[in-house]
Amino acid sequence: MPPRRKLNEFERGRAVAWFQDGVPKREVARRLHVSISVIVRLIQRFTATGRFRKDADLGDQRRQLHVKIVSLND
């Protein structure tokens, strides 16, 4: 199995644009060298929210909270 690859912001935007131009999801996945499920989830997120950027994950939120708490303690 090939290693997982994350799409950067430019590639996510390109994938959404290709999809909106009528390119099938399978072809978008082939062009970007990712699995079809990556593109399906991206299009679902875009359809539901109107955005293709990923929100900060929970780990980022925890790190930000830790920094706030540490800075308040100083």
PDB file of N, CA and C in Angstrom:
ATOM      1  N   MET A   1       0.849  -1.169   0.000  1.00  0.00           N
ATOM      2  CA  MET A   1       0.000   0.000   0.000  1.00  0.00           C
ATOM      3  C   MET A   1       0.900   1.239   0.000  1.00  0.00           C
ATOM      4  N   PRO A   2       0.611   2.223  -0.863  1.00  0.00           N
ATOM      5  CA  PRO A   2       1.435   3.431  -0.879  1.00  0.00           C
ATOM      6  C   PRO A   2       1.224   4.250   0.390  1.00  0.00           C
ATOM      7  N   PRO A   3       2.207   5.042   0.774  1.00  0.00           N
ATOM      8  CA  PRO A   3       2.051   5.852   1.988  1.00  0.00           C
ATOM      9  C   PRO A   3       0.941   6.889   1.814  1.00  0.00           C
ATOM     10  N   ARG A   4       0.320   7.242   2.929  1.00  0.00           N
ATOM     11  CA  ARG A   4      -0.728   8.265   2.882  1.00  0.00           C
ATOM     12  C   ARG A   4      -0.128   9.609   2.528  1.00  0.00           C
ATOM     13  N   ARG A   5      -0.888  10.377   1.801  1.00  0.00           N
ATOM     14  CA  ARG A   5      -0.430  11.695   1.406  1.00  0.00           C
ATOM     15  C   ARG A   5      -1.554  12.679   1.681  1.00  0.00           C
ATOM     16  N   LYS A   6      -1.228  13.780   2.312  1.00  0.00           N
ATOM     17  CA  LYS A   6      -2.233  14.803   2.585  1.00  0.00           C
ATOM     18  C   LYS A   6      -2.225  15.821   1.456  1.00  0.00           C
ATOM     19  N   LEU A   7      -3.399  16.324   1.132  1.00  0.00           N
ATOM     20  CA  LEU A   7      -3.503  17.379   0.134  1.00  0.00           C
ATOM     21  C   LEU A   7      -3.235  18.714   0.806  1.00  0.00           C
ATOM     22  N   ASN A   8      -2.432  19.541   0.166  1.00  0.00           N
ATOM     23  CA  ASN A   8      -2.241  20.881   0.704  1.00  0.00           C
ATOM     24  C   ASN A   8      -3.419  21.756   0.278  1.00  0.00           C
ATOM     25  N   GLU A   9      -3.448  22.978   0.754  1.00  0.00           N
ATOM     26  CA  GLU A   9      -4.586  23.856   0.498  1.00  0.00           C
ATOM     27  C   GLU A   9      -4.788  24.104  -0.997  1.00  0.00           C
ATOM     28  N   PHE A  10      -3.703  24.289  -1.734  1.00  0.00           N
ATOM     29  CA  PHE A  10      -3.795  24.521  -3.174  1.00  0.00           C
ATOM     30  C   PHE A  10      -4.417  23.315  -3.878  1.00  0.00           C
ATOM     31  N   GLU A  11      -3.976  22.116  -3.511  1.00  0.00           N
ATOM     32  CA  GLU A  11      -4.505  20.898  -4.130  1.00  0.00           C
ATOM     33  C   GLU A  11      -5.978  20.693  -3.790  1.00  0.00           C
ATOM     34  N   ARG A  12      -6.375  21.022  -2.558  1.00  0.00           N
ATOM     35  CA  ARG A  12      -7.794  20.907  -2.191  1.00  0.00           C
ATOM     36  C   ARG A  12      -8.635  21.867  -3.025  1.00  0.00           C
ATOM     37  N   GLY A  13      -8.146  23.090  -3.198  1.00  0.00           N
ATOM     38  CA  GLY A  13      -8.860  24.062  -4.031  1.00  0.00           C
ATOM     39  C   GLY A  13      -8.951  23.611  -5.474  1.00  0.00           C
ATOM     40  N   ARG A  14      -7.857  23.061  -5.976  1.00  0.00           N
ATOM     41  CA  ARG A  14      -7.826  22.559  -7.351  1.00  0.00           C
ATOM     42  C   ARG A  14      -8.821  21.405  -7.516  1.00  0.00           C
ATOM     43  N   ALA A  15      -8.877  20.503  -6.532  1.00  0.00           N
ATOM     44  CA  ALA A  15      -9.795  19.362  -6.601  1.00  0.00           C
ATOM     45  C   ALA A  15     -11.244  19.833  -6.641  1.00  0.00           C
ATOM     46  N   VAL A  16     -11.587  20.803  -5.809  1.00  0.00           N
ATOM     47  CA  VAL A  16     -12.955  21.335  -5.792  1.00  0.00           C
ATOM     48  C   VAL A  16     -13.270  22.001  -7.125  1.00  0.00           C
ATOM     49  N   ALA A  17     -12.331  22.770  -7.662  1.00  0.00           N
ATOM     50  CA  ALA A  17     -12.550  23.445  -8.946  1.00  0.00           C
ATOM     51  C   ALA A  17     -12.754  22.431 -10.069  1.00  0.00           C
ATOM     52  N   TRP A  18     -11.926  21.391 -10.109  1.00  0.00           N
ATOM     53  CA  TRP A  18     -12.098  20.355 -11.135  1.00  0.00           C
ATOM     54  C   TRP A  18     -13.460  19.697 -11.002  1.00  0.00           C
ATOM     55  N   PHE A  19     -13.858  19.385  -9.765  1.00  0.00           N
ATOM     56  CA  PHE A  19     -15.153  18.748  -9.542  1.00  0.00           C
ATOM     57  C   PHE A  19     -16.287  19.656 -10.016  1.00  0.00           C
ATOM     58  N   GLN A  20     -16.199  20.944  -9.709  1.00  0.00           N
ATOM     59  CA  GLN A  20     -17.230  21.888 -10.135  1.00  0.00           C
ATOM     60  C   GLN A  20     -17.266  22.043 -11.654  1.00  0.00           C
ATOM     61  N   ASP A  21     -16.133  21.808 -12.298  1.00  0.00           N
ATOM     62  CA  ASP A  21     -16.069  21.872 -13.763  1.00  0.00           C
ATOM     63  C   ASP A  21     -16.561  20.589 -14.421  1.00  0.00           C
ATOM     64  N   GLY A  22     -16.966  19.610 -13.612  1.00  0.00           N
ATOM     65  CA  GLY A  22     -17.543  18.391 -14.154  1.00  0.00           C
ATOM     66  C   GLY A  22     -16.607  17.205 -14.247  1.00  0.00           C
ATOM     67  N   VAL A  23     -15.405  17.336 -13.712  1.00  0.00           N
ATOM     68  CA  VAL A  23     -14.470  16.208 -13.718  1.00  0.00           C
ATOM     69  C   VAL A  23     -14.944  15.194 -12.672  1.00  0.00           C
ATOM     70  N   PRO A  24     -15.060  13.911 -13.047  1.00  0.00           N
ATOM     71  CA  PRO A  24     -15.503  12.896 -12.076  1.00  0.00           C
ATOM     72  C   PRO A  24     -14.536  12.779 -10.892  1.00  0.00           C
ATOM     73  N   LYS A  25     -15.082  12.422  -9.742  1.00  0.00           N
ATOM     74  CA  LYS A  25     -14.271  12.303  -8.520  1.00  0.00           C
ATOM     75  C   LYS A  25     -13.113  11.326  -8.706  1.00  0.00           C
ATOM     76  N   ARG A  26     -13.363  10.233  -9.391  1.00  0.00           N
ATOM     77  CA  ARG A  26     -12.314   9.232  -9.607  1.00  0.00           C
ATOM     78  C   ARG A  26     -11.153   9.824 -10.406  1.00  0.00           C
ATOM     79  N   GLU A  27     -11.468  10.657 -11.396  1.00  0.00           N
ATOM     80  CA  GLU A  27     -10.426  11.297 -12.206  1.00  0.00           C
ATOM     81  C   GLU A  27      -9.672  12.346 -11.389  1.00  0.00           C
ATOM     82  N   VAL A  28     -10.381  13.084 -10.544  1.00  0.00           N
ATOM     83  CA  VAL A  28      -9.724  14.058  -9.661  1.00  0.00           C
ATOM     84  C   VAL A  28      -8.732  13.333  -8.757  1.00  0.00           C
ATOM     85  N   ALA A  29      -9.154  12.213  -8.195  1.00  0.00           N
ATOM     86  CA  ALA A  29      -8.276  11.423  -7.324  1.00  0.00           C
ATOM     87  C   ALA A  29      -7.052  10.934  -8.093  1.00  0.00           C
ATOM     88  N   ARG A  30      -7.250  10.480  -9.313  1.00  0.00           N
ATOM     89  CA  ARG A  30      -6.129   9.997 -10.120  1.00  0.00           C
ATOM     90  C   ARG A  30      -5.139  11.116 -10.411  1.00  0.00           C
ATOM     91  N   ARG A  31      -5.651  12.297 -10.766  1.00  0.00           N
ATOM     92  CA  ARG A  31      -4.782  13.437 -11.078  1.00  0.00           C
ATOM     93  C   ARG A  31      -3.937  13.858  -9.881  1.00  0.00           C
ATOM     94  N   LEU A  32      -4.504  13.731  -8.683  1.00  0.00           N
ATOM     95  CA  LEU A  32      -3.800  14.179  -7.478  1.00  0.00           C
ATOM     96  C   LEU A  32      -3.081  13.039  -6.754  1.00  0.00           C
ATOM     97  N   HIS A  33      -3.173  11.830  -7.298  1.00  0.00           N
ATOM     98  CA  HIS A  33      -2.488  10.658  -6.731  1.00  0.00           C
ATOM     99  C   HIS A  33      -2.922  10.371  -5.291  1.00  0.00           C
ATOM    100  N   VAL A  34      -4.240  10.421  -5.072  1.00  0.00           N
ATOM    101  CA  VAL A  34      -4.812  10.071  -3.769  1.00  0.00           C
ATOM    102  C   VAL A  34      -5.960   9.099  -4.003  1.00  0.00           C
ATOM    103  N   SER A  35      -6.454   8.507  -2.925  1.00  0.00           N
ATOM    104  CA  SER A  35      -7.572   7.573  -3.066  1.00  0.00           C
ATOM    105  C   SER A  35      -8.871   8.345  -3.300  1.00  0.00           C
ATOM    106  N   ILE A  36      -9.827   7.652  -3.865  1.00  0.00           N
ATOM    107  CA  ILE A  36     -11.131   8.256  -4.137  1.00  0.00           C
ATOM    108  C   ILE A  36     -11.796   8.727  -2.847  1.00  0.00           C
ATOM    109  N   SER A  37     -11.556   8.015  -1.729  1.00  0.00           N
ATOM    110  CA  SER A  37     -12.198   8.389  -0.464  1.00  0.00           C
ATOM    111  C   SER A  37     -11.736   9.768   0.013  1.00  0.00           C
ATOM    112  N   VAL A  38     -10.502  10.134  -0.281  1.00  0.00           N
ATOM    113  CA  VAL A  38     -10.008  11.469   0.088  1.00  0.00           C
ATOM    114  C   VAL A  38     -10.833  12.530  -0.626  1.00  0.00           C
ATOM    115  N   ILE A  39     -11.077  12.313  -1.905  1.00  0.00           N
ATOM    116  CA  ILE A  39     -11.830  13.283  -2.699  1.00  0.00           C
ATOM    117  C   ILE A  39     -13.295  13.295  -2.286  1.00  0.00           C
ATOM    118  N   VAL A  40     -13.862  12.128  -2.014  1.00  0.00           N
ATOM    119  CA  VAL A  40     -15.262  12.062  -1.578  1.00  0.00           C
ATOM    120  C   VAL A  40     -15.452  12.862  -0.295  1.00  0.00           C
ATOM    121  N   ARG A  41     -14.560  12.671   0.685  1.00  0.00           N
ATOM    122  CA  ARG A  41     -14.671  13.418   1.954  1.00  0.00           C
ATOM    123  C   ARG A  41     -14.484  14.919   1.727  1.00  0.00           C
ATOM    124  N   LEU A  42     -13.554  15.281   0.865  1.00  0.00           N
ATOM    125  CA  LEU A  42     -13.321  16.692   0.565  1.00  0.00           C
ATOM    126  C   LEU A  42     -14.565  17.328  -0.048  1.00  0.00           C
ATOM    127  N   ILE A  43     -15.166  16.665  -1.020  1.00  0.00           N
ATOM    128  CA  ILE A  43     -16.365  17.195  -1.682  1.00  0.00           C
ATOM    129  C   ILE A  43     -17.533  17.242  -0.699  1.00  0.00           C
ATOM    130  N   GLN A  44     -17.661  16.234   0.167  1.00  0.00           N
ATOM    131  CA  GLN A  44     -18.726  16.256   1.180  1.00  0.00           C
ATOM    132  C   GLN A  44     -18.549  17.444   2.115  1.00  0.00           C
ATOM    133  N   ARG A  45     -17.312  17.684   2.550  1.00  0.00           N
ATOM    134  CA  ARG A  45     -17.043  18.819   3.432  1.00  0.00           C
ATOM    135  C   ARG A  45     -17.370  20.126   2.718  1.00  0.00           C
ATOM    136  N   PHE A  46     -16.965  20.223   1.460  1.00  0.00           N
ATOM    137  CA  PHE A  46     -17.218  21.444   0.697  1.00  0.00           C
ATOM    138  C   PHE A  46     -18.716  21.664   0.501  1.00  0.00           C
ATOM    139  N   THR A  47     -19.449  20.608   0.188  1.00  0.00           N
ATOM    140  CA  THR A  47     -20.892  20.716  -0.022  1.00  0.00           C
ATOM    141  C   THR A  47     -21.607  21.130   1.263  1.00  0.00           C
ATOM    142  N   ALA A  48     -21.174  20.591   2.391  1.00  0.00           N
ATOM    143  CA  ALA A  48     -21.830  20.874   3.674  1.00  0.00           C
ATOM    144  C   ALA A  48     -21.491  22.259   4.211  1.00  0.00           C
ATOM    145  N   THR A  49     -20.239  22.693   4.044  1.00  0.00           N
ATOM    146  CA  THR A  49     -19.796  23.929   4.690  1.00  0.00           C
ATOM    147  C   THR A  49     -19.488  25.061   3.724  1.00  0.00           C
ATOM    148  N   GLY A  50     -19.288  24.721   2.445  1.00  0.00           N
ATOM    149  CA  GLY A  50     -18.896  25.744   1.478  1.00  0.00           C
ATOM    150  C   GLY A  50     -17.417  26.074   1.548  1.00  0.00           C
ATOM    151  N   ARG A  51     -16.672  25.304   2.341  1.00  0.00           N
ATOM    152  CA  ARG A  51     -15.230  25.534   2.486  1.00  0.00           C
ATOM    153  C   ARG A  51     -14.490  24.244   2.180  1.00  0.00           C
ATOM    154  N   PHE A  52     -13.269  24.374   1.713  1.00  0.00           N
ATOM    155  CA  PHE A  52     -12.465  23.184   1.464  1.00  0.00           C
ATOM    156  C   PHE A  52     -11.297  23.097   2.419  1.00  0.00           C
ATOM    157  N   ARG A  53     -11.089  24.127   3.232  1.00  0.00           N
ATOM    158  CA  ARG A  53     -10.009  24.083   4.225  1.00  0.00           C
ATOM    159  C   ARG A  53     -10.450  23.241   5.401  1.00  0.00           C
ATOM    160  N   LYS A  54      -9.505  22.521   5.969  1.00  0.00           N
ATOM    161  CA  LYS A  54      -9.799  21.741   7.166  1.00  0.00           C
ATOM    162  C   LYS A  54      -9.746  22.671   8.373  1.00  0.00           C
ATOM    163  N   ASP A  55     -10.661  22.467   9.299  1.00  0.00           N
ATOM    164  CA  ASP A  55     -10.617  23.222  10.549  1.00  0.00           C
ATOM    165  C   ASP A  55      -9.466  22.702  11.395  1.00  0.00           C
ATOM    166  N   ALA A  56      -9.049  23.506  12.331  1.00  0.00           N
ATOM    167  CA  ALA A  56      -7.989  23.066  13.246  1.00  0.00           C
ATOM    168  C   ALA A  56      -8.467  21.812  13.964  1.00  0.00           C
ATOM    169  N   ASP A  57      -7.596  20.866  14.084  1.00  0.00           N
ATOM    170  CA  ASP A  57      -7.990  19.640  14.765  1.00  0.00           C
ATOM    171  C   ASP A  57      -7.975  19.843  16.276  1.00  0.00           C
ATOM    172  N   LEU A  58      -8.497  18.887  16.987  1.00  0.00           N
ATOM    173  CA  LEU A  58      -8.597  18.988  18.438  1.00  0.00           C
ATOM    174  C   LEU A  58      -7.228  19.149  19.078  1.00  0.00           C
ATOM    175  N   GLY A  59      -6.220  18.520  18.513  1.00  0.00           N
ATOM    176  CA  GLY A  59      -4.865  18.652  19.045  1.00  0.00           C
ATOM    177  C   GLY A  59      -4.392  20.093  19.012  1.00  0.00           C
ATOM    178  N   ASP A  60      -4.699  20.816  17.941  1.00  0.00           N
ATOM    179  CA  ASP A  60      -4.332  22.223  17.856  1.00  0.00           C
ATOM    180  C   ASP A  60      -5.045  23.026  18.941  1.00  0.00           C
ATOM    181  N   GLN A  61      -6.315  22.717  19.170  1.00  0.00           N
ATOM    182  CA  GLN A  61      -7.070  23.429  20.196  1.00  0.00           C
ATOM    183  C   GLN A  61      -6.467  23.183  21.572  1.00  0.00           C
ATOM    184  N   ARG A  62      -6.056  21.950  21.840  1.00  0.00           N
ATOM    185  CA  ARG A  62      -5.439  21.638  23.132  1.00  0.00           C
ATOM    186  C   ARG A  62      -4.129  22.387  23.299  1.00  0.00           C
ATOM    187  N   ARG A  63      -3.321  22.431  22.254  1.00  0.00           N
ATOM    188  CA  ARG A  63      -2.046  23.140  22.339  1.00  0.00           C
ATOM    189  C   ARG A  63      -2.275  24.627  22.596  1.00  0.00           C
ATOM    190  N   GLN A  64      -3.262  25.215  21.917  1.00  0.00           N
ATOM    191  CA  GLN A  64      -3.550  26.630  22.116  1.00  0.00           C
ATOM    192  C   GLN A  64      -4.022  26.883  23.541  1.00  0.00           C
ATOM    193  N   LEU A  65      -4.870  26.014  24.072  1.00  0.00           N
ATOM    194  CA  LEU A  65      -5.355  26.156  25.438  1.00  0.00           C
ATOM    195  C   LEU A  65      -4.199  26.030  26.420  1.00  0.00           C
ATOM    196  N   HIS A  66      -3.293  25.076  26.183  1.00  0.00           N
ATOM    197  CA  HIS A  66      -2.136  24.895  27.060  1.00  0.00           C
ATOM    198  C   HIS A  66      -1.285  26.160  27.079  1.00  0.00           C
ATOM    199  N   VAL A  67      -1.070  26.766  25.925  1.00  0.00           N
ATOM    200  CA  VAL A  67      -0.273  27.993  25.853  1.00  0.00           C
ATOM    201  C   VAL A  67      -0.963  29.106  26.636  1.00  0.00           C
ATOM    202  N   LYS A  68      -2.284  29.218  26.523  1.00  0.00           N
ATOM    203  CA  LYS A  68      -3.018  30.253  27.251  1.00  0.00           C
ATOM    204  C   LYS A  68      -2.895  30.038  28.759  1.00  0.00           C
ATOM    205  N   ILE A  69      -3.059  28.792  29.198  1.00  0.00           N
ATOM    206  CA  ILE A  69      -2.984  28.493  30.629  1.00  0.00           C
ATOM    207  C   ILE A  69      -1.586  28.766  31.157  1.00  0.00           C
ATOM    208  N   VAL A  70      -0.578  28.334  30.428  1.00  0.00           N
ATOM    209  CA  VAL A  70       0.801  28.554  30.856  1.00  0.00           C
ATOM    210  C   VAL A  70       1.104  30.044  30.921  1.00  0.00           C
ATOM    211  N   SER A  71       0.633  30.807  29.938  1.00  0.00           N
ATOM    212  CA  SER A  71       0.919  32.242  29.946  1.00  0.00           C
ATOM    213  C   SER A  71       0.179  32.951  31.082  1.00  0.00           C
ATOM    214  N   LEU A  72      -0.996  32.450  31.473  1.00  0.00           N
ATOM    215  CA  LEU A  72      -1.722  33.050  32.592  1.00  0.00           C
ATOM    216  C   LEU A  72      -1.036  32.752  33.918  1.00  0.00           C
ATOM    217  N   ASN A  73      -0.375  31.607  34.005  1.00  0.00           N
ATOM    218  CA  ASN A  73       0.312  31.226  35.237  1.00  0.00           C
ATOM    219  C   ASN A  73       1.574  32.045  35.466  1.00  0.00           C
ATOM    220  N   ASP A  74       2.148  32.598  34.429  1.00  0.00           N
ATOM    221  CA  ASP A  74       3.403  33.366  34.565  1.00  0.00           C
ATOM    222  C   ASP A  74       3.193  34.733  35.136  1.00  0.00           C
TER     223      ASP A  74
END
